[in-house]
mmCIF file of all heavy atoms, coordinates in Angstrom:
data_MODEL
# 
_entry.id   MODEL 
# 
loop_
_atom_site.group_PDB 
_atom_site.id 
_atom_site.type_symbol 
_atom_site.label_atom_id 
_atom_site.label_alt_id 
_atom_site.label_comp_id 
_atom_site.label_asym_id 
_atom_site.label_entity_id 
_atom_site.label_seq_id 
_atom_site.pdbx_PDB_ins_code 
_atom_site.Cartn_x 
_atom_site.Cartn_y 
_atom_site.Cartn_z 
_atom_site.occupancy 
_atom_site.B_iso_or_equiv 
_atom_site.pdbx_formal_charge 
_atom_site.auth_seq_id 
_atom_site.auth_comp_id 
_atom_site.auth_asym_id 
_atom_site.auth_atom_id 
_atom_site.pdbx_PDB_model_num 
ATOM 1   N N   . SER A 1 1  ? -0.604  0.820  16.462 1.00 0.00 ? 1  SER A N   1 
ATOM 2   C CA  . SER A 1 1  ? 0.028   -0.282 17.044 1.00 0.00 ? 1  SER A CA  1 
ATOM 3   C C   . SER A 1 1  ? -0.862  -1.346 17.398 1.00 0.00 ? 1  SER A C   1 
ATOM 4   O O   . SER A 1 1  ? -1.720  -1.167 18.275 1.00 0.00 ? 1  SER A O   1 
ATOM 5   C CB  . SER A 1 1  ? 0.868   0.143  18.254 1.00 0.00 ? 1  SER A CB  1 
ATOM 6   O OG  . SER A 1 1  ? 1.500   -0.947 18.850 1.00 0.00 ? 1  SER A OG  1 
ATOM 7   N N   . GLY A 1 2  ? -0.810  -2.452 16.728 1.00 0.00 ? 2  GLY A N   1 
ATOM 8   C CA  . GLY A 1 2  ? -1.731  -3.584 17.088 1.00 0.00 ? 2  GLY A CA  1 
ATOM 9   C C   . GLY A 1 2  ? -3.105  -3.444 16.370 1.00 0.00 ? 2  GLY A C   1 
ATOM 10  O O   . GLY A 1 2  ? -3.964  -4.346 16.504 1.00 0.00 ? 2  GLY A O   1 
ATOM 11  N N   . ALA A 1 3  ? -3.297  -2.341 15.635 1.00 0.00 ? 3  ALA A N   1 
ATOM 12  C CA  . ALA A 1 3  ? -4.544  -2.075 14.924 1.00 0.00 ? 3  ALA A CA  1 
ATOM 13  C C   . ALA A 1 3  ? -5.730  -2.206 15.917 1.00 0.00 ? 3  ALA A C   1 
ATOM 14  O O   . ALA A 1 3  ? -6.742  -2.794 15.605 1.00 0.00 ? 3  ALA A O   1 
ATOM 15  C CB  . ALA A 1 3  ? -4.709  -3.035 13.791 1.00 0.00 ? 3  ALA A CB  1 
ATOM 16  N N   . ASN A 1 4  ? -5.521  -1.727 17.218 1.00 0.00 ? 4  ASN A N   1 
ATOM 17  C CA  . ASN A 1 4  ? -6.629  -1.704 18.137 1.00 0.00 ? 4  ASN A CA  1 
ATOM 18  C C   . ASN A 1 4  ? -7.672  -0.717 17.907 1.00 0.00 ? 4  ASN A C   1 
ATOM 19  O O   . ASN A 1 4  ? -7.390  0.393  17.338 1.00 0.00 ? 4  ASN A O   1 
ATOM 20  C CB  . ASN A 1 4  ? -6.047  -1.550 19.543 1.00 0.00 ? 4  ASN A CB  1 
ATOM 21  C CG  . ASN A 1 4  ? -5.190  -2.630 20.039 1.00 0.00 ? 4  ASN A CG  1 
ATOM 22  O OD1 . ASN A 1 4  ? -5.334  -3.810 19.666 1.00 0.00 ? 4  ASN A OD1 1 
ATOM 23  N ND2 . ASN A 1 4  ? -4.243  -2.415 20.881 1.00 0.00 ? 4  ASN A ND2 1 
ATOM 24  N N   . THR A 1 5  ? -8.901  -1.035 18.198 1.00 0.00 ? 5  THR A N   1 
ATOM 25  C CA  . THR A 1 5  ? -9.951  -0.056 18.133 1.00 0.00 ? 5  THR A CA  1 
ATOM 26  C C   . THR A 1 5  ? -10.664 -0.035 19.483 1.00 0.00 ? 5  THR A C   1 
ATOM 27  O O   . THR A 1 5  ? -10.786 -1.045 20.225 1.00 0.00 ? 5  THR A O   1 
ATOM 28  C CB  . THR A 1 5  ? -11.067 -0.371 17.141 1.00 0.00 ? 5  THR A CB  1 
ATOM 29  O OG1 . THR A 1 5  ? -11.491 -1.719 17.288 1.00 0.00 ? 5  THR A OG1 1 
ATOM 30  C CG2 . THR A 1 5  ? -10.464 -0.328 15.689 1.00 0.00 ? 5  THR A CG2 1 
ATOM 31  N N   . ILE A 1 6  ? -10.930 1.181  19.932 1.00 0.00 ? 6  ILE A N   1 
ATOM 32  C CA  . ILE A 1 6  ? -11.666 1.306  21.253 1.00 0.00 ? 6  ILE A CA  1 
ATOM 33  C C   . ILE A 1 6  ? -12.779 2.258  21.071 1.00 0.00 ? 6  ILE A C   1 
ATOM 34  O O   . ILE A 1 6  ? -12.847 3.148  20.172 1.00 0.00 ? 6  ILE A O   1 
ATOM 35  C CB  . ILE A 1 6  ? -10.779 1.871  22.368 1.00 0.00 ? 6  ILE A CB  1 
ATOM 36  C CG1 . ILE A 1 6  ? -10.097 3.148  21.957 1.00 0.00 ? 6  ILE A CG1 1 
ATOM 37  C CG2 . ILE A 1 6  ? -9.710  0.822  22.755 1.00 0.00 ? 6  ILE A CG2 1 
ATOM 38  C CD1 . ILE A 1 6  ? -9.272  3.823  23.027 1.00 0.00 ? 6  ILE A CD1 1 
ATOM 39  N N   . TYR A 1 7  ? -13.950 2.010  21.887 1.00 0.00 ? 7  TYR A N   1 
ATOM 40  C CA  . TYR A 1 7  ? -15.104 2.806  21.738 1.00 0.00 ? 7  TYR A CA  1 
ATOM 41  C C   . TYR A 1 7  ? -15.619 3.188  23.105 1.00 0.00 ? 7  TYR A C   1 
ATOM 42  O O   . TYR A 1 7  ? -15.346 2.624  24.147 1.00 0.00 ? 7  TYR A O   1 
ATOM 43  C CB  . TYR A 1 7  ? -16.183 1.971  21.127 1.00 0.00 ? 7  TYR A CB  1 
ATOM 44  C CG  . TYR A 1 7  ? -15.873 1.399  19.730 1.00 0.00 ? 7  TYR A CG  1 
ATOM 45  C CD1 . TYR A 1 7  ? -15.198 0.296  19.475 1.00 0.00 ? 7  TYR A CD1 1 
ATOM 46  C CD2 . TYR A 1 7  ? -16.250 2.162  18.652 1.00 0.00 ? 7  TYR A CD2 1 
ATOM 47  C CE1 . TYR A 1 7  ? -14.953 -0.182 18.209 1.00 0.00 ? 7  TYR A CE1 1 
ATOM 48  C CE2 . TYR A 1 7  ? -16.028 1.698  17.333 1.00 0.00 ? 7  TYR A CE2 1 
ATOM 49  C CZ  . TYR A 1 7  ? -15.329 0.610  17.116 1.00 0.00 ? 7  TYR A CZ  1 
ATOM 50  O OH  . TYR A 1 7  ? -15.015 0.130  15.890 1.00 0.00 ? 7  TYR A OH  1 
ATOM 51  N N   . ALA A 1 8  ? -16.359 4.393  23.086 1.00 0.00 ? 8  ALA A N   1 
ATOM 52  C CA  . ALA A 1 8  ? -17.057 4.664  24.269 1.00 0.00 ? 8  ALA A CA  1 
ATOM 53  C C   . ALA A 1 8  ? -18.206 3.728  24.514 1.00 0.00 ? 8  ALA A C   1 
ATOM 54  O O   . ALA A 1 8  ? -18.747 3.208  23.534 1.00 0.00 ? 8  ALA A O   1 
ATOM 55  C CB  . ALA A 1 8  ? -17.670 6.206  24.070 1.00 0.00 ? 8  ALA A CB  1 
ATOM 56  N N   . SER A 1 9  ? -18.557 3.459  25.674 1.00 0.00 ? 9  SER A N   1 
ATOM 57  C CA  . SER A 1 9  ? -19.445 2.308  25.980 1.00 0.00 ? 9  SER A CA  1 
ATOM 58  C C   . SER A 1 9  ? -20.847 2.566  25.275 1.00 0.00 ? 9  SER A C   1 
ATOM 59  O O   . SER A 1 9  ? -21.493 1.575  24.854 1.00 0.00 ? 9  SER A O   1 
ATOM 60  C CB  . SER A 1 9  ? -19.602 2.142  27.445 1.00 0.00 ? 9  SER A CB  1 
ATOM 61  O OG  . SER A 1 9  ? -19.987 3.289  28.068 1.00 0.00 ? 9  SER A OG  1 
ATOM 62  N N   . SER A 1 10 ? -21.247 3.792  25.195 1.00 0.00 ? 10 SER A N   1 
ATOM 63  C CA  . SER A 1 10 ? -22.561 4.071  24.707 1.00 0.00 ? 10 SER A CA  1 
ATOM 64  C C   . SER A 1 10 ? -22.583 3.947  23.197 1.00 0.00 ? 10 SER A C   1 
ATOM 65  O O   . SER A 1 10 ? -23.663 3.883  22.492 1.00 0.00 ? 10 SER A O   1 
ATOM 66  C CB  . SER A 1 10 ? -23.039 5.471  25.110 1.00 0.00 ? 10 SER A CB  1 
ATOM 67  O OG  . SER A 1 10 ? -22.088 6.457  24.580 1.00 0.00 ? 10 SER A OG  1 
ATOM 68  N N   . MET A 1 11 ? -21.463 3.901  22.513 1.00 0.00 ? 11 MET A N   1 
ATOM 69  C CA  . MET A 1 11 ? -21.407 3.800  21.116 1.00 0.00 ? 11 MET A CA  1 
ATOM 70  C C   . MET A 1 11 ? -21.069 2.370  20.585 1.00 0.00 ? 11 MET A C   1 
ATOM 71  O O   . MET A 1 11 ? -21.273 2.013  19.433 1.00 0.00 ? 11 MET A O   1 
ATOM 72  C CB  . MET A 1 11 ? -20.383 4.755  20.414 1.00 0.00 ? 11 MET A CB  1 
ATOM 73  C CG  . MET A 1 11 ? -20.817 6.240  20.559 1.00 0.00 ? 11 MET A CG  1 
ATOM 74  S SD  . MET A 1 11 ? -20.426 6.906  22.169 1.00 0.00 ? 11 MET A SD  1 
ATOM 75  C CE  . MET A 1 11 ? -20.511 8.618  21.896 1.00 0.00 ? 11 MET A CE  1 
ATOM 76  N N   . LYS A 1 12 ? -20.444 1.562  21.489 1.00 0.00 ? 12 LYS A N   1 
ATOM 77  C CA  . LYS A 1 12 ? -20.073 0.244  21.123 1.00 0.00 ? 12 LYS A CA  1 
ATOM 78  C C   . LYS A 1 12 ? -21.173 -0.569 20.622 1.00 0.00 ? 12 LYS A C   1 
ATOM 79  O O   . LYS A 1 12 ? -22.222 -0.578 21.219 1.00 0.00 ? 12 LYS A O   1 
ATOM 80  C CB  . LYS A 1 12 ? -19.316 -0.399 22.303 1.00 0.00 ? 12 LYS A CB  1 
ATOM 81  C CG  . LYS A 1 12 ? -18.519 -1.625 21.869 1.00 0.00 ? 12 LYS A CG  1 
ATOM 82  C CD  . LYS A 1 12 ? -17.666 -2.121 22.983 1.00 0.00 ? 12 LYS A CD  1 
ATOM 83  C CE  . LYS A 1 12 ? -16.788 -3.277 22.546 1.00 0.00 ? 12 LYS A CE  1 
ATOM 84  N NZ  . LYS A 1 12 ? -15.921 -3.721 23.643 1.00 0.00 ? 12 LYS A NZ  1 
ATOM 85  N N   . GLY A 1 13 ? -21.049 -1.196 19.432 1.00 0.00 ? 13 GLY A N   1 
ATOM 86  C CA  . GLY A 1 13 ? -22.064 -2.014 18.877 1.00 0.00 ? 13 GLY A CA  1 
ATOM 87  C C   . GLY A 1 13 ? -22.916 -1.169 17.845 1.00 0.00 ? 13 GLY A C   1 
ATOM 88  O O   . GLY A 1 13 ? -23.557 -1.734 16.995 1.00 0.00 ? 13 GLY A O   1 
ATOM 89  N N   . ARG A 1 14 ? -22.871 0.159  17.957 1.00 0.00 ? 14 ARG A N   1 
ATOM 90  C CA  . ARG A 1 14 ? -23.669 0.984  17.006 1.00 0.00 ? 14 ARG A CA  1 
ATOM 91  C C   . ARG A 1 14 ? -22.614 1.698  16.015 1.00 0.00 ? 14 ARG A C   1 
ATOM 92  O O   . ARG A 1 14 ? -22.991 1.917  14.852 1.00 0.00 ? 14 ARG A O   1 
ATOM 93  C CB  . ARG A 1 14 ? -24.441 2.056  17.649 1.00 0.00 ? 14 ARG A CB  1 
ATOM 94  C CG  . ARG A 1 14 ? -25.522 1.518  18.564 1.00 0.00 ? 14 ARG A CG  1 
ATOM 95  C CD  . ARG A 1 14 ? -26.408 2.646  19.031 1.00 0.00 ? 14 ARG A CD  1 
ATOM 96  N NE  . ARG A 1 14 ? -25.768 3.621  19.711 1.00 0.00 ? 14 ARG A NE  1 
ATOM 97  C CZ  . ARG A 1 14 ? -25.864 4.968  19.429 1.00 0.00 ? 14 ARG A CZ  1 
ATOM 98  N NH1 . ARG A 1 14 ? -26.549 5.393  18.415 1.00 0.00 ? 14 ARG A NH1 1 
ATOM 99  N NH2 . ARG A 1 14 ? -25.240 5.842  20.207 1.00 0.00 ? 14 ARG A NH2 1 
ATOM 100 N N   . PHE A 1 15 ? -21.472 2.090  16.563 1.00 0.00 ? 15 PHE A N   1 
ATOM 101 C CA  . PHE A 1 15 ? -20.512 2.818  15.693 1.00 0.00 ? 15 PHE A CA  1 
ATOM 102 C C   . PHE A 1 15 ? -19.317 1.913  15.419 1.00 0.00 ? 15 PHE A C   1 
ATOM 103 O O   . PHE A 1 15 ? -18.883 1.085  16.243 1.00 0.00 ? 15 PHE A O   1 
ATOM 104 C CB  . PHE A 1 15 ? -19.996 4.035  16.427 1.00 0.00 ? 15 PHE A CB  1 
ATOM 105 C CG  . PHE A 1 15 ? -21.032 5.122  16.660 1.00 0.00 ? 15 PHE A CG  1 
ATOM 106 C CD1 . PHE A 1 15 ? -22.397 4.941  16.319 1.00 0.00 ? 15 PHE A CD1 1 
ATOM 107 C CD2 . PHE A 1 15 ? -20.678 6.385  17.114 1.00 0.00 ? 15 PHE A CD2 1 
ATOM 108 C CE1 . PHE A 1 15 ? -23.314 5.969  16.550 1.00 0.00 ? 15 PHE A CE1 1 
ATOM 109 C CE2 . PHE A 1 15 ? -21.554 7.393  17.445 1.00 0.00 ? 15 PHE A CE2 1 
ATOM 110 C CZ  . PHE A 1 15 ? -22.871 7.207  17.100 1.00 0.00 ? 15 PHE A CZ  1 
ATOM 111 N N   . THR A 1 16 ? -18.687 2.081  14.258 1.00 0.00 ? 16 THR A N   1 
ATOM 112 C CA  . THR A 1 16 ? -17.524 1.357  13.781 1.00 0.00 ? 16 THR A CA  1 
ATOM 113 C C   . THR A 1 16 ? -16.472 2.338  13.262 1.00 0.00 ? 16 THR A C   1 
ATOM 114 O O   . THR A 1 16 ? -16.790 2.988  12.316 1.00 0.00 ? 16 THR A O   1 
ATOM 115 C CB  . THR A 1 16 ? -17.800 0.290  12.850 1.00 0.00 ? 16 THR A CB  1 
ATOM 116 O OG1 . THR A 1 16 ? -18.830 -0.629 13.409 1.00 0.00 ? 16 THR A OG1 1 
ATOM 117 C CG2 . THR A 1 16 ? -16.653 -0.494 12.481 1.00 0.00 ? 16 THR A CG2 1 
ATOM 118 N N   . ILE A 1 17 ? -15.313 2.297  13.775 1.00 0.00 ? 17 ILE A N   1 
ATOM 119 C CA  . ILE A 1 17 ? -14.225 3.039  13.287 1.00 0.00 ? 17 ILE A CA  1 
ATOM 120 C C   . ILE A 1 17 ? -13.347 2.198  12.321 1.00 0.00 ? 17 ILE A C   1 
ATOM 121 O O   . ILE A 1 17 ? -13.085 1.008  12.750 1.00 0.00 ? 17 ILE A O   1 
ATOM 122 C CB  . ILE A 1 17 ? -13.443 3.727  14.361 1.00 0.00 ? 17 ILE A CB  1 
ATOM 123 C CG1 . ILE A 1 17 ? -12.411 4.779  13.801 1.00 0.00 ? 17 ILE A CG1 1 
ATOM 124 C CG2 . ILE A 1 17 ? -12.707 2.729  15.243 1.00 0.00 ? 17 ILE A CG2 1 
ATOM 125 C CD1 . ILE A 1 17 ? -11.745 5.635  14.879 1.00 0.00 ? 17 ILE A CD1 1 
ATOM 126 N N   . SER A 1 18 ? -12.863 2.683  11.222 1.00 0.00 ? 18 SER A N   1 
ATOM 127 C CA  . SER A 1 18 ? -12.068 1.923  10.372 1.00 0.00 ? 18 SER A CA  1 
ATOM 128 C C   . SER A 1 18 ? -11.133 2.938  9.645  1.00 0.00 ? 18 SER A C   1 
ATOM 129 O O   . SER A 1 18 ? -11.235 4.150  9.659  1.00 0.00 ? 18 SER A O   1 
ATOM 130 C CB  . SER A 1 18 ? -12.922 1.065  9.399  1.00 0.00 ? 18 SER A CB  1 
ATOM 131 O OG  . SER A 1 18 ? -13.603 2.037  8.564  1.00 0.00 ? 18 SER A OG  1 
ATOM 132 N N   . ARG A 1 19 ? -10.199 2.334  8.889  1.00 0.00 ? 19 ARG A N   1 
ATOM 133 C CA  . ARG A 1 19 ? -9.253  3.173  8.164  1.00 0.00 ? 19 ARG A CA  1 
ATOM 134 C C   . ARG A 1 19 ? -8.910  2.606  6.801  1.00 0.00 ? 19 ARG A C   1 
ATOM 135 O O   . ARG A 1 19 ? -8.947  1.377  6.623  1.00 0.00 ? 19 ARG A O   1 
ATOM 136 C CB  . ARG A 1 19 ? -7.975  3.455  8.990  1.00 0.00 ? 19 ARG A CB  1 
ATOM 137 C CG  . ARG A 1 19 ? -7.086  2.181  9.199  1.00 0.00 ? 19 ARG A CG  1 
ATOM 138 C CD  . ARG A 1 19 ? -5.849  2.404  9.954  1.00 0.00 ? 19 ARG A CD  1 
ATOM 139 N NE  . ARG A 1 19 ? -5.126  1.226  10.281 1.00 0.00 ? 19 ARG A NE  1 
ATOM 140 C CZ  . ARG A 1 19 ? -3.913  1.241  10.688 1.00 0.00 ? 19 ARG A CZ  1 
ATOM 141 N NH1 . ARG A 1 19 ? -3.185  2.312  10.713 1.00 0.00 ? 19 ARG A NH1 1 
ATOM 142 N NH2 . ARG A 1 19 ? -3.272  0.093  10.966 1.00 0.00 ? 19 ARG A NH2 1 
ATOM 143 N N   . ASP A 1 20 ? -8.610  3.407  5.918  1.00 0.00 ? 20 ASP A N   1 
ATOM 144 C CA  . ASP A 1 20 ? -8.106  3.051  4.600  1.00 0.00 ? 20 ASP A CA  1 
ATOM 145 C C   . ASP A 1 20 ? -6.677  3.736  4.439  1.00 0.00 ? 20 ASP A C   1 
ATOM 146 O O   . ASP A 1 20 ? -6.560  4.868  4.260  1.00 0.00 ? 20 ASP A O   1 
ATOM 147 C CB  . ASP A 1 20 ? -9.060  3.606  3.576  1.00 0.00 ? 20 ASP A CB  1 
ATOM 148 C CG  . ASP A 1 20 ? -8.632  3.135  2.122  1.00 0.00 ? 20 ASP A CG  1 
ATOM 149 O OD1 . ASP A 1 20 ? -7.436  3.000  1.873  1.00 0.00 ? 20 ASP A OD1 1 
ATOM 150 O OD2 . ASP A 1 20 ? -9.500  3.046  1.273  1.00 0.00 ? 20 ASP A OD2 1 
ATOM 151 N N   . ASN A 1 21 ? -5.675  2.949  4.682  1.00 0.00 ? 21 ASN A N   1 
ATOM 152 C CA  . ASN A 1 21 ? -4.285  3.371  4.641  1.00 0.00 ? 21 ASN A CA  1 
ATOM 153 C C   . ASN A 1 21 ? -3.983  4.040  3.335  1.00 0.00 ? 21 ASN A C   1 
ATOM 154 O O   . ASN A 1 21 ? -3.225  5.033  3.279  1.00 0.00 ? 21 ASN A O   1 
ATOM 155 C CB  . ASN A 1 21 ? -3.327  2.295  4.932  1.00 0.00 ? 21 ASN A CB  1 
ATOM 156 C CG  . ASN A 1 21 ? -3.436  1.829  6.416  1.00 0.00 ? 21 ASN A CG  1 
ATOM 157 O OD1 . ASN A 1 21 ? -3.861  2.632  7.255  1.00 0.00 ? 21 ASN A OD1 1 
ATOM 158 N ND2 . ASN A 1 21 ? -2.981  0.600  6.675  1.00 0.00 ? 21 ASN A ND2 1 
ATOM 159 N N   . ALA A 1 22 ? -4.449  3.462  2.217  1.00 0.00 ? 22 ALA A N   1 
ATOM 160 C CA  . ALA A 1 22 ? -4.030  3.980  0.909  1.00 0.00 ? 22 ALA A CA  1 
ATOM 161 C C   . ALA A 1 22 ? -4.577  5.401  0.657  1.00 0.00 ? 22 ALA A C   1 
ATOM 162 O O   . ALA A 1 22 ? -4.040  6.189  -0.017 1.00 0.00 ? 22 ALA A O   1 
ATOM 163 C CB  . ALA A 1 22 ? -4.623  3.070  -0.210 1.00 0.00 ? 22 ALA A CB  1 
ATOM 164 N N   . LYS A 1 23 ? -5.671  5.707  1.304  1.00 0.00 ? 23 LYS A N   1 
ATOM 165 C CA  . LYS A 1 23 ? -6.392  6.978  1.211  1.00 0.00 ? 23 LYS A CA  1 
ATOM 166 C C   . LYS A 1 23 ? -6.003  7.947  2.386  1.00 0.00 ? 23 LYS A C   1 
ATOM 167 O O   . LYS A 1 23 ? -6.575  9.063  2.425  1.00 0.00 ? 23 LYS A O   1 
ATOM 168 C CB  . LYS A 1 23 ? -7.867  6.823  1.003  1.00 0.00 ? 23 LYS A CB  1 
ATOM 169 C CG  . LYS A 1 23 ? -8.312  6.184  -0.242 1.00 0.00 ? 23 LYS A CG  1 
ATOM 170 C CD  . LYS A 1 23 ? -9.780  6.064  -0.356 1.00 0.00 ? 23 LYS A CD  1 
ATOM 171 C CE  . LYS A 1 23 ? -10.212 5.343  -1.649 1.00 0.00 ? 23 LYS A CE  1 
ATOM 172 N NZ  . LYS A 1 23 ? -11.616 5.224  -1.774 1.00 0.00 ? 23 LYS A NZ  1 
ATOM 173 N N   . ASN A 1 24 ? -5.246  7.428  3.324  1.00 0.00 ? 24 ASN A N   1 
ATOM 174 C CA  . ASN A 1 24 ? -5.024  8.247  4.592  1.00 0.00 ? 24 ASN A CA  1 
ATOM 175 C C   . ASN A 1 24 ? -6.352  8.729  5.170  1.00 0.00 ? 24 ASN A C   1 
ATOM 176 O O   . ASN A 1 24 ? -6.448  9.947  5.532  1.00 0.00 ? 24 ASN A O   1 
ATOM 177 C CB  . ASN A 1 24 ? -4.140  9.365  4.338  1.00 0.00 ? 24 ASN A CB  1 
ATOM 178 C CG  . ASN A 1 24 ? -2.663  8.908  4.169  1.00 0.00 ? 24 ASN A CG  1 
ATOM 179 O OD1 . ASN A 1 24 ? -2.257  7.989  4.841  1.00 0.00 ? 24 ASN A OD1 1 
ATOM 180 N ND2 . ASN A 1 24 ? -1.902  9.566  3.296  1.00 0.00 ? 24 ASN A ND2 1 
ATOM 181 N N   . THR A 1 25 ? -7.395  7.882  5.186  1.00 0.00 ? 25 THR A N   1 
ATOM 182 C CA  . THR A 1 25 ? -8.698  8.296  5.623  1.00 0.00 ? 25 THR A CA  1 
ATOM 183 C C   . THR A 1 25 ? -9.196  7.299  6.795  1.00 0.00 ? 25 THR A C   1 
ATOM 184 O O   . THR A 1 25 ? -8.987  6.094  6.630  1.00 0.00 ? 25 THR A O   1 
ATOM 185 C CB  . THR A 1 25 ? -9.701  8.328  4.472  1.00 0.00 ? 25 THR A CB  1 
ATOM 186 O OG1 . THR A 1 25 ? -9.141  9.166  3.512  1.00 0.00 ? 25 THR A OG1 1 
ATOM 187 C CG2 . THR A 1 25 ? -11.023 8.704  4.908  1.00 0.00 ? 25 THR A CG2 1 
# 
C-alpha cells in the first residue's frame, strides 16, 4: 500500500529493498 519502504536506522543509506512484481521477488 503506497509502495512504502522502511529501514532500520543502522541500515538506512547502506541497504535498499526493492521488488520485482513480475517475478514475485
